[in-house]
PDB file of N, CA and C in Angstrom:
ATOM      1  N   MET A   1     -25.002  13.914  30.072  1.00  0.00           N
ATOM      2  CA  MET A   1     -25.434  15.284  29.948  1.00  0.00           C
ATOM      3  C   MET A   1     -26.275  15.660  31.165  1.00  0.00           C
ATOM      4  N   LEU A   2     -26.274  16.960  31.463  1.00  0.00           N
ATOM      5  CA  LEU A   2     -27.107  17.450  32.560  1.00  0.00           C
ATOM      6  C   LEU A   2     -28.524  17.723  32.067  1.00  0.00           C
ATOM      7  N   TYR A   3     -29.485  17.493  32.970  1.00  0.00           N
ATOM      8  CA  TYR A   3     -30.890  17.770  32.696  1.00  0.00           C
ATOM      9  C   TYR A   3     -31.490  18.498  33.886  1.00  0.00           C
ATOM     10  N   ALA A   4     -32.326  19.501  33.591  1.00  0.00           N
ATOM     11  CA  ALA A   4     -33.069  20.216  34.620  1.00  0.00           C
ATOM     12  C   ALA A   4     -34.446  19.578  34.724  1.00  0.00           C
ATOM     13  N   ILE A   5     -34.794  19.174  35.919  1.00  0.00           N
ATOM     14  CA  ILE A   5     -36.119  18.635  36.204  1.00  0.00           C
ATOM     15  C   ILE A   5     -36.839  19.732  36.975  1.00  0.00           C
ATOM     16  N   ILE A   6     -37.813  20.345  36.326  1.00  0.00           N
ATOM     17  CA  ILE A   6     -38.511  21.512  36.854  1.00  0.00           C
ATOM     18  C   ILE A   6     -39.924  21.074  37.227  1.00  0.00           C
ATOM     19  N   CYS A   7     -40.234  21.175  38.511  1.00  0.00           N
ATOM     20  CA  CYS A   7     -41.495  20.640  39.024  1.00  0.00           C
ATOM     21  C   CYS A   7     -42.333  21.763  39.616  1.00  0.00           C
ATOM     22  N   GLU A   8     -43.633  21.732  39.336  1.00  0.00           N
ATOM     23  CA  GLU A   8     -44.573  22.695  39.907  1.00  0.00           C
ATOM     24  C   GLU A   8     -45.548  21.946  40.799  1.00  0.00           C
ATOM     25  N   ASP A   9     -45.704  22.447  42.021  1.00  0.00           N
ATOM     26  CA  ASP A   9     -46.580  21.799  43.003  1.00  0.00           C
ATOM     27  C   ASP A   9     -48.056  22.072  42.732  1.00  0.00           C
ATOM     28  N   VAL A  10     -48.882  21.167  43.203  1.00  0.00           N
ATOM     29  CA  VAL A  10     -50.317  21.421  43.287  1.00  0.00           C
ATOM     30  C   VAL A  10     -50.531  22.441  44.405  1.00  0.00           C
ATOM     31  N   PRO A  11     -51.665  23.133  44.426  1.00  0.00           N
ATOM     32  CA  PRO A  11     -51.932  24.037  45.554  1.00  0.00           C
ATOM     33  C   PRO A  11     -51.954  23.277  46.880  1.00  0.00           C
ATOM     34  N   ASN A  12     -51.488  23.930  47.919  1.00  0.00           N
ATOM     35  CA  ASN A  12     -51.503  23.365  49.275  1.00  0.00           C
ATOM     36  C   ASN A  12     -50.814  22.003  49.351  1.00  0.00           C
ATOM     37  N   SER A  13     -49.647  21.926  48.780  1.00  0.00           N
ATOM     38  CA  SER A  13     -48.918  20.658  48.691  1.00  0.00           C
ATOM     39  C   SER A  13     -48.155  20.272  49.948  1.00  0.00           C
ATOM     40  N   LEU A  14     -48.042  21.171  50.916  1.00  0.00           N
ATOM     41  CA  LEU A  14     -47.162  20.919  52.065  1.00  0.00           C
ATOM     42  C   LEU A  14     -47.434  19.596  52.773  1.00  0.00           C
ATOM     43  N   PRO A  15     -48.676  19.236  53.095  1.00  0.00           N
ATOM     44  CA  PRO A  15     -48.887  17.946  53.766  1.00  0.00           C
ATOM     45  C   PRO A  15     -48.449  16.750  52.900  1.00  0.00           C
ATOM     46  N   LEU A  16     -48.664  16.845  51.604  1.00  0.00           N
ATOM     47  CA  LEU A  16     -48.227  15.774  50.695  1.00  0.00           C
ATOM     48  C   LEU A  16     -46.706  15.690  50.665  1.00  0.00           C
ATOM     49  N   ARG A  17     -46.059  16.841  50.618  1.00  0.00           N
ATOM     50  CA  ARG A  17     -44.589  16.889  50.631  1.00  0.00           C
ATOM     51  C   ARG A  17     -44.042  16.271  51.911  1.00  0.00           C
ATOM     52  N   GLN A  18     -44.608  16.664  53.030  1.00  0.00           N
ATOM     53  CA  GLN A  18     -44.096  16.176  54.305  1.00  0.00           C
ATOM     54  C   GLN A  18     -44.197  14.655  54.396  1.00  0.00           C
ATOM     55  N   ALA A  19     -45.278  14.097  53.907  1.00  0.00           N
ATOM     56  CA  ALA A  19     -45.468  12.642  53.977  1.00  0.00           C
ATOM     57  C   ALA A  19     -44.485  11.895  53.079  1.00  0.00           C
ATOM     58  N   ALA A  20     -44.185  12.447  51.912  1.00  0.00           N
ATOM     59  CA  ALA A  20     -43.333  11.745  50.938  1.00  0.00           C
ATOM     60  C   ALA A  20     -41.865  12.153  51.019  1.00  0.00           C
ATOM     61  N   ARG A  21     -41.540  13.132  51.838  1.00  0.00           N
ATOM     62  CA  ARG A  21     -40.182  13.688  51.867  1.00  0.00           C
ATOM     63  C   ARG A  21     -39.086  12.661  52.174  1.00  0.00           C
ATOM     64  N   PRO A  22     -39.233  11.794  53.164  1.00  0.00           N
ATOM     65  CA  PRO A  22     -38.148  10.833  53.416  1.00  0.00           C
ATOM     66  C   PRO A  22     -37.816   9.972  52.193  1.00  0.00           C
ATOM     67  N   ALA A  23     -38.808   9.470  51.510  1.00  0.00           N
ATOM     68  CA  ALA A  23     -38.566   8.641  50.320  1.00  0.00           C
ATOM     69  C   ALA A  23     -37.969   9.477  49.190  1.00  0.00           C
ATOM     70  N   HIS A  24     -38.444  10.710  49.050  1.00  0.00           N
ATOM     71  CA  HIS A  24     -37.914  11.626  48.035  1.00  0.00           C
ATOM     72  C   HIS A  24     -36.428  11.887  48.277  1.00  0.00           C
ATOM     73  N   LEU A  25     -36.067  12.219  49.517  1.00  0.00           N
ATOM     74  CA  LEU A  25     -34.667  12.502  49.839  1.00  0.00           C
ATOM     75  C   LEU A  25     -33.777  11.271  49.693  1.00  0.00           C
ATOM     76  N   GLU A  26     -34.301  10.117  50.032  1.00  0.00           N
ATOM     77  CA  GLU A  26     -33.535   8.877  49.857  1.00  0.00           C
ATOM     78  C   GLU A  26     -33.210   8.654  48.381  1.00  0.00           C
ATOM     79  N   ARG A  27     -34.175   8.940  47.531  1.00  0.00           N
ATOM     80  CA  ARG A  27     -33.968   8.761  46.089  1.00  0.00           C
ATOM     81  C   ARG A  27     -32.954   9.773  45.562  1.00  0.00           C
ATOM     82  N   ILE A  28     -33.039  11.016  46.023  1.00  0.00           N
ATOM     83  CA  ILE A  28     -32.074  12.050  45.628  1.00  0.00           C
ATOM     84  C   ILE A  28     -30.668  11.671  46.100  1.00  0.00           C
ATOM     85  N   GLN A  29     -30.571  11.077  47.295  1.00  0.00           N
ATOM     86  CA  GLN A  29     -29.270  10.688  47.835  1.00  0.00           C
ATOM     87  C   GLN A  29     -28.560   9.708  46.911  1.00  0.00           C
ATOM     88  N   THR A  30     -29.301   8.902  46.207  1.00  0.00           N
ATOM     89  CA  THR A  30     -28.694   7.969  45.245  1.00  0.00           C
ATOM     90  C   THR A  30     -27.940   8.745  44.171  1.00  0.00           C
ATOM     91  N   LEU A  31     -28.524   9.830  43.675  1.00  0.00           N
ATOM     92  CA  LEU A  31     -27.829  10.664  42.688  1.00  0.00           C
ATOM     93  C   LEU A  31     -26.568  11.281  43.296  1.00  0.00           C
ATOM     94  N   VAL A  32     -26.658  11.722  44.548  1.00  0.00           N
ATOM     95  CA  VAL A  32     -25.495  12.286  45.243  1.00  0.00           C
ATOM     96  C   VAL A  32     -24.398  11.224  45.337  1.00  0.00           C
ATOM     97  N   ASP A  33     -24.760  10.034  45.788  1.00  0.00           N
ATOM     98  CA  ASP A  33     -23.785   8.956  45.974  1.00  0.00           C
ATOM     99  C   ASP A  33     -23.108   8.571  44.661  1.00  0.00           C
ATOM    100  N   GLN A  34     -23.833   8.709  43.565  1.00  0.00           N
ATOM    101  CA  GLN A  34     -23.285   8.369  42.245  1.00  0.00           C
ATOM    102  C   GLN A  34     -22.537   9.539  41.608  1.00  0.00           C
ATOM    103  N   GLY A  35     -22.491  10.690  42.290  1.00  0.00           N
ATOM    104  CA  GLY A  35     -21.796  11.861  41.769  1.00  0.00           C
ATOM    105  C   GLY A  35     -22.508  12.509  40.588  1.00  0.00           C
ATOM    106  N   ARG A  36     -23.823  12.317  40.490  1.00  0.00           N
ATOM    107  CA  ARG A  36     -24.586  12.808  39.338  1.00  0.00           C
ATOM    108  C   ARG A  36     -25.430  14.046  39.634  1.00  0.00           C
ATOM    109  N   LEU A  37     -25.503  14.476  40.888  1.00  0.00           N
ATOM    110  CA  LEU A  37     -26.358  15.604  41.250  1.00  0.00           C
ATOM    111  C   LEU A  37     -25.574  16.900  41.245  1.00  0.00           C
ATOM    112  N   LEU A  38     -26.045  17.890  40.499  1.00  0.00           N
ATOM    113  CA  LEU A  38     -25.449  19.220  40.517  1.00  0.00           C
ATOM    114  C   LEU A  38     -26.097  20.064  41.606  1.00  0.00           C
ATOM    115  N   VAL A  39     -27.432  20.074  41.648  1.00  0.00           N
ATOM    116  CA  VAL A  39     -28.164  20.871  42.632  1.00  0.00           C
ATOM    117  C   VAL A  39     -29.594  20.347  42.730  1.00  0.00           C
ATOM    118  N   ALA A  40     -30.196  20.515  43.897  1.00  0.00           N
ATOM    119  CA  ALA A  40     -31.603  20.145  44.070  1.00  0.00           C
ATOM    120  C   ALA A  40     -32.177  20.935  45.225  1.00  0.00           C
ATOM    121  N   GLY A  41     -33.433  21.309  45.108  1.00  0.00           N
ATOM    122  CA  GLY A  41     -34.097  21.994  46.198  1.00  0.00           C
ATOM    123  C   GLY A  41     -35.461  22.511  45.794  1.00  0.00           C
ATOM    124  N   PRO A  42     -36.233  22.932  46.814  1.00  0.00           N
ATOM    125  CA  PRO A  42     -37.584  23.429  46.566  1.00  0.00           C
ATOM    126  C   PRO A  42     -37.611  24.940  46.333  1.00  0.00           C
ATOM    127  N   HIS A  43     -38.736  25.408  45.791  1.00  0.00           N
ATOM    128  CA  HIS A  43     -39.004  26.833  45.628  1.00  0.00           C
ATOM    129  C   HIS A  43     -39.954  27.259  46.748  1.00  0.00           C
ATOM    130  N   PRO A  44     -39.469  28.007  47.749  1.00  0.00           N
ATOM    131  CA  PRO A  44     -40.351  28.458  48.829  1.00  0.00           C
ATOM    132  C   PRO A  44     -41.491  29.332  48.279  1.00  0.00           C
ATOM    133  N   ALA A  45     -42.662  29.189  48.863  1.00  0.00           N
ATOM    134  CA  ALA A  45     -43.823  29.978  48.447  1.00  0.00           C
ATOM    135  C   ALA A  45     -43.693  31.440  48.862  1.00  0.00           C
ATOM    136  N   LEU A  46     -42.854  31.709  49.852  1.00  0.00           N
ATOM    137  CA  LEU A  46     -42.586  33.069  50.306  1.00  0.00           C
ATOM    138  C   LEU A  46     -41.107  33.373  50.132  1.00  0.00           C
ATOM    139  N   ASP A  47     -40.768  34.630  50.100  1.00  0.00           N
ATOM    140  CA  ASP A  47     -39.382  35.057  49.907  1.00  0.00           C
ATOM    141  C   ASP A  47     -38.603  34.931  51.215  1.00  0.00           C
ATOM    142  N   THR A  48     -38.432  33.682  51.637  1.00  0.00           N
ATOM    143  CA  THR A  48     -37.711  33.370  52.864  1.00  0.00           C
ATOM    144  C   THR A  48     -37.269  31.906  52.792  1.00  0.00           C
ATOM    145  N   PRO A  49     -36.136  31.559  53.396  1.00  0.00           N
ATOM    146  CA  PRO A  49     -35.694  30.166  53.375  1.00  0.00           C
ATOM    147  C   PRO A  49     -36.667  29.204  54.054  1.00  0.00           C
ATOM    148  N   ASP A  50     -37.406  29.685  55.053  1.00  0.00           N
ATOM    149  CA  ASP A  50     -38.375  28.839  55.756  1.00  0.00           C
ATOM    150  C   ASP A  50     -39.765  29.452  55.619  1.00  0.00           C
ATOM    151  N   PRO A  51     -40.541  28.994  54.636  1.00  0.00           N
ATOM    152  CA  PRO A  51     -41.848  29.596  54.392  1.00  0.00           C
ATOM    153  C   PRO A  51     -42.940  29.120  55.337  1.00  0.00           C
ATOM    154  N   GLY A  52     -42.592  28.251  56.282  1.00  0.00           N
ATOM    155  CA  GLY A  52     -43.577  27.769  57.249  1.00  0.00           C
ATOM    156  C   GLY A  52     -44.749  27.092  56.571  1.00  0.00           C
ATOM    157  N   GLU A  53     -45.948  27.402  57.038  1.00  0.00           N
ATOM    158  CA  GLU A  53     -47.166  26.763  56.526  1.00  0.00           C
ATOM    159  C   GLU A  53     -47.475  27.137  55.081  1.00  0.00           C
ATOM    160  N   ALA A  54     -46.842  28.202  54.551  1.00  0.00           N
ATOM    161  CA  ALA A  54     -47.055  28.575  53.148  1.00  0.00           C
ATOM    162  C   ALA A  54     -46.506  27.504  52.212  1.00  0.00           C
ATOM    163  N   GLY A  55     -45.488  26.784  52.688  1.00  0.00           N
ATOM    164  CA  GLY A  55     -44.954  25.666  51.921  1.00  0.00           C
ATOM    165  C   GLY A  55     -44.133  26.074  50.715  1.00  0.00           C
ATOM    166  N   PHE A  56     -44.262  25.285  49.664  1.00  0.00           N
ATOM    167  CA  PHE A  56     -43.418  25.415  48.482  1.00  0.00           C
ATOM    168  C   PHE A  56     -44.270  25.389  47.218  1.00  0.00           C
ATOM    169  N   THR A  57     -43.718  25.950  46.153  1.00  0.00           N
ATOM    170  CA  THR A  57     -44.450  26.000  44.883  1.00  0.00           C
ATOM    171  C   THR A  57     -43.885  25.053  43.844  1.00  0.00           C
ATOM    172  N   GLY A  58     -42.793  24.400  44.159  1.00  0.00           N
ATOM    173  CA  GLY A  58     -42.176  23.485  43.204  1.00  0.00           C
ATOM    174  C   GLY A  58     -40.777  23.118  43.637  1.00  0.00           C
ATOM    175  N   SER A  59     -40.083  22.449  42.730  1.00  0.00           N
ATOM    176  CA  SER A  59     -38.720  22.000  43.004  1.00  0.00           C
ATOM    177  C   SER A  59     -37.898  22.045  41.725  1.00  0.00           C
ATOM    178  N   LEU A  60     -36.581  22.086  41.911  1.00  0.00           N
ATOM    179  CA  LEU A  60     -35.642  22.032  40.796  1.00  0.00           C
ATOM    180  C   LEU A  60     -34.573  21.000  41.122  1.00  0.00           C
ATOM    181  N   ILE A  61     -34.327  20.115  40.181  1.00  0.00           N
ATOM    182  CA  ILE A  61     -33.236  19.142  40.295  1.00  0.00           C
ATOM    183  C   ILE A  61     -32.436  19.253  39.009  1.00  0.00           C
ATOM    184  N   ILE A  62     -31.131  19.406  39.138  1.00  0.00           N
ATOM    185  CA  ILE A  62     -30.253  19.356  37.963  1.00  0.00           C
ATOM    186  C   ILE A  62     -29.270  18.219  38.210  1.00  0.00           C
ATOM    187  N   ALA A  63     -29.324  17.245  37.324  1.00  0.00           N
ATOM    188  CA  ALA A  63     -28.513  16.032  37.503  1.00  0.00           C
ATOM    189  C   ALA A  63     -28.098  15.478  36.149  1.00  0.00           C
ATOM    190  N   GLU A  64     -27.115  14.608  36.211  1.00  0.00           N
ATOM    191  CA  GLU A  64     -26.585  13.982  35.004  1.00  0.00           C
ATOM    192  C   GLU A  64     -27.321  12.671  34.715  1.00  0.00           C
ATOM    193  N   PHE A  65     -27.727  12.532  33.457  1.00  0.00           N
ATOM    194  CA  PHE A  65     -28.365  11.310  32.971  1.00  0.00           C
ATOM    195  C   PHE A  65     -27.803  11.004  31.589  1.00  0.00           C
ATOM    196  N   ASP A  66     -27.949   9.767  31.135  1.00  0.00           N
ATOM    197  CA  ASP A  66     -27.446   9.376  29.822  1.00  0.00           C
ATOM    198  C   ASP A  66     -28.279   9.938  28.677  1.00  0.00           C
ATOM    199  N   SER A  67     -29.566  10.238  28.950  1.00  0.00           N
ATOM    200  CA  SER A  67     -30.448  10.744  27.905  1.00  0.00           C
ATOM    201  C   SER A  67     -31.628  11.470  28.541  1.00  0.00           C
ATOM    202  N   GLN A  68     -32.340  12.223  27.720  1.00  0.00           N
ATOM    203  CA  GLN A  68     -33.525  12.905  28.218  1.00  0.00           C
ATOM    204  C   GLN A  68     -34.599  11.887  28.619  1.00  0.00           C
ATOM    205  N   GLU A  69     -34.668  10.794  27.900  1.00  0.00           N
ATOM    206  CA  GLU A  69     -35.625   9.743  28.234  1.00  0.00           C
ATOM    207  C   GLU A  69     -35.328   9.149  29.614  1.00  0.00           C
ATOM    208  N   GLU A  70     -34.045   8.939  29.909  1.00  0.00           N
ATOM    209  CA  GLU A  70     -33.669   8.423  31.224  1.00  0.00           C
ATOM    210  C   GLU A  70     -34.002   9.441  32.319  1.00  0.00           C
ATOM    211  N   ALA A  71     -33.738  10.713  32.052  1.00  0.00           N
ATOM    212  CA  ALA A  71     -34.054  11.763  33.025  1.00  0.00           C
ATOM    213  C   ALA A  71     -35.563  11.835  33.255  1.00  0.00           C
ATOM    214  N   GLN A  72     -36.348  11.719  32.187  1.00  0.00           N
ATOM    215  CA  GLN A  72     -37.803  11.760  32.317  1.00  0.00           C
ATOM    216  C   GLN A  72     -38.307  10.560  33.111  1.00  0.00           C
ATOM    217  N   ALA A  73     -37.760   9.388  32.826  1.00  0.00           N
ATOM    218  CA  ALA A  73     -38.167   8.182  33.565  1.00  0.00           C
ATOM    219  C   ALA A  73     -37.822   8.311  35.045  1.00  0.00           C
ATOM    220  N   TRP A  74     -36.655   8.873  35.337  1.00  0.00           N
ATOM    221  CA  TRP A  74     -36.275   9.082  36.738  1.00  0.00           C
ATOM    222  C   TRP A  74     -37.252  10.046  37.401  1.00  0.00           C
ATOM    223  N   ALA A  75     -37.551  11.151  36.715  1.00  0.00           N
ATOM    224  CA  ALA A  75     -38.487  12.143  37.266  1.00  0.00           C
ATOM    225  C   ALA A  75     -39.860  11.529  37.491  1.00  0.00           C
ATOM    226  N   ASP A  76     -40.320  10.734  36.555  1.00  0.00           N
ATOM    227  CA  ASP A  76     -41.644  10.105  36.668  1.00  0.00           C
ATOM    228  C   ASP A  76     -41.728   9.160  37.861  1.00  0.00           C
ATOM    229  N   GLY A  77     -40.586   8.621  38.293  1.00  0.00           N
ATOM    230  CA  GLY A  77     -40.551   7.689  39.414  1.00  0.00           C
ATOM    231  C   GLY A  77     -40.351   8.339  40.768  1.00  0.00           C
ATOM    232  N   ASP A  78     -40.313   9.666  40.821  1.00  0.00           N
ATOM    233  CA  ASP A  78     -40.078  10.356  42.085  1.00  0.00           C
ATOM    234  C   ASP A  78     -41.248  10.132  43.045  1.00  0.00           C
ATOM    235  N   PRO A  79     -40.972   9.895  44.316  1.00  0.00           N
ATOM    236  CA  PRO A  79     -42.045   9.726  45.297  1.00  0.00           C
ATOM    237  C   PRO A  79     -43.000  10.916  45.382  1.00  0.00           C
ATOM    238  N   TYR A  80     -42.524  12.121  45.095  1.00  0.00           N
ATOM    239  CA  TYR A  80     -43.424  13.270  45.086  1.00  0.00           C
ATOM    240  C   TYR A  80     -44.454  13.157  43.960  1.00  0.00           C
ATOM    241  N   VAL A  81     -44.074  12.568  42.846  1.00  0.00           N
ATOM    242  CA  VAL A  81     -45.034  12.343  41.751  1.00  0.00           C
ATOM    243  C   VAL A  81     -46.095  11.358  42.219  1.00  0.00           C
ATOM    244  N   ALA A  82     -45.660  10.257  42.797  1.00  0.00           N
ATOM    245  CA  ALA A  82     -46.602   9.233  43.268  1.00  0.00           C
ATOM    246  C   ALA A  82     -47.530   9.773  44.347  1.00  0.00           C
ATOM    247  N   ALA A  83     -47.043  10.718  45.164  1.00  0.00           N
ATOM    248  CA  ALA A  83     -47.842  11.277  46.256  1.00  0.00           C
ATOM    249  C   ALA A  83     -48.760  12.408  45.799  1.00  0.00           C
ATOM    250  N   GLY A  84     -48.646  12.820  44.534  1.00  0.00           N
ATOM    251  CA  GLY A  84     -49.498  13.884  44.030  1.00  0.00           C
ATOM    252  C   GLY A  84     -49.025  15.288  44.372  1.00  0.00           C
ATOM    253  N   VAL A  85     -47.749  15.445  44.724  1.00  0.00           N
ATOM    254  CA  VAL A  85     -47.209  16.767  45.063  1.00  0.00           C
ATOM    255  C   VAL A  85     -47.125  17.653  43.822  1.00  0.00           C
ATOM    256  N   PHE A  86     -46.708  17.084  42.708  1.00  0.00           N
ATOM    257  CA  PHE A  86     -46.464  17.875  41.503  1.00  0.00           C
ATOM    258  C   PHE A  86     -47.654  17.846  40.556  1.00  0.00           C
ATOM    259  N   GLN A  87     -47.998  19.025  40.036  1.00  0.00           N
ATOM    260  CA  GLN A  87     -49.020  19.099  39.005  1.00  0.00           C
ATOM    261  C   GLN A  87     -48.399  19.081  37.610  1.00  0.00           C
ATOM    262  N   ARG A  88     -47.099  19.422  37.541  1.00  0.00           N
ATOM    263  CA  ARG A  88     -46.414  19.404  36.256  1.00  0.00           C
ATOM    264  C   ARG A  88     -44.931  19.154  36.489  1.00  0.00           C
ATOM    265  N   VAL A  89     -44.341  18.343  35.622  1.00  0.00           N
ATOM    266  CA  VAL A  89     -42.909  18.072  35.661  1.00  0.00           C
ATOM    267  C   VAL A  89     -42.370  18.218  34.243  1.00  0.00           C
ATOM    268  N   SER A  90     -41.378  19.093  34.076  1.00  0.00           N
ATOM    269  CA  SER A  90     -40.722  19.285  32.782  1.00  0.00           C
ATOM    270  C   SER A  90     -39.272  18.857  32.915  1.00  0.00           C
ATOM    271  N   VAL A  91     -38.780  18.192  31.896  1.00  0.00           N
ATOM    272  CA  VAL A  91     -37.377  17.776  31.863  1.00  0.00           C
ATOM    273  C   VAL A  91     -36.747  18.404  30.627  1.00  0.00           C
ATOM    274  N   LYS A  92     -35.664  19.167  30.853  1.00  0.00           N
ATOM    275  CA  LYS A  92     -35.014  19.872  29.758  1.00  0.00           C
ATOM    276  C   LYS A  92     -33.509  19.659  29.834  1.00  0.00           C
ATOM    277  N   PRO A  93     -32.852  19.534  28.687  1.00  0.00           N
ATOM    278  CA  PRO A  93     -31.394  19.505  28.703  1.00  0.00           C
ATOM    279  C   PRO A  93     -30.871  20.804  29.328  1.00  0.00           C
ATOM    280  N   TYR A  94     -29.766  20.696  30.035  1.00  0.00           N
ATOM    281  CA  TYR A  94     -29.195  21.841  30.734  1.00  0.00           C
ATOM    282  C   TYR A  94     -27.706  21.916  30.414  1.00  0.00           C
ATOM    283  N   LYS A  95     -27.254  23.110  30.038  1.00  0.00           N
ATOM    284  CA  LYS A  95     -25.847  23.332  29.761  1.00  0.00           C
ATOM    285  C   LYS A  95     -25.270  24.246  30.830  1.00  0.00           C
ATOM    286  N   ARG A  96     -24.413  23.691  31.643  1.00  0.00           N
ATOM    287  CA  ARG A  96     -23.759  24.493  32.680  1.00  0.00           C
ATOM    288  C   ARG A  96     -22.687  25.357  32.032  1.00  0.00           C
ATOM    289  N   VAL A  97     -22.765  26.658  32.303  1.00  0.00           N
ATOM    290  CA  VAL A  97     -21.785  27.602  31.746  1.00  0.00           C
ATOM    291  C   VAL A  97     -20.954  28.213  32.868  1.00  0.00           C
ATOM    292  N   LEU A  98     -21.612  28.660  33.940  1.00  0.00           N
ATOM    293  CA  LEU A  98     -20.920  29.293  35.055  1.00  0.00           C
ATOM    294  C   LEU A  98     -21.389  28.684  36.367  1.00  0.00           C
ATOM    295  N   PRO A  99     -20.659  28.651  37.404  1.00  0.00           N
ATOM    296  CA  PRO A  99     -19.240  28.957  37.478  1.00  0.00           C
ATOM    297  C   PRO A  99     -18.420  27.823  36.905  1.00  0.00           C
TER     298      PRO A  99
END
């Protein structure tokens, strides 16, 4: 089943994100390689693809896991969590309808 991992950043998270980004992307690549990733990306703090120093306010990952517990465990192990980027992480079942 698909699960949405909805993450909210701490204020001024950009330096933390930059430091942990390589490990974060490497971990996401594993989902890509396994064919389990539907979509992933950050929420820019400004209404532009490149928010510069304003940074990001969170992230969204939608991926396939065997259970909500597995999705939560995966989310809890994200390098951004360990680096203190996220102040809150929610994992919810997701039903793809369109397209």
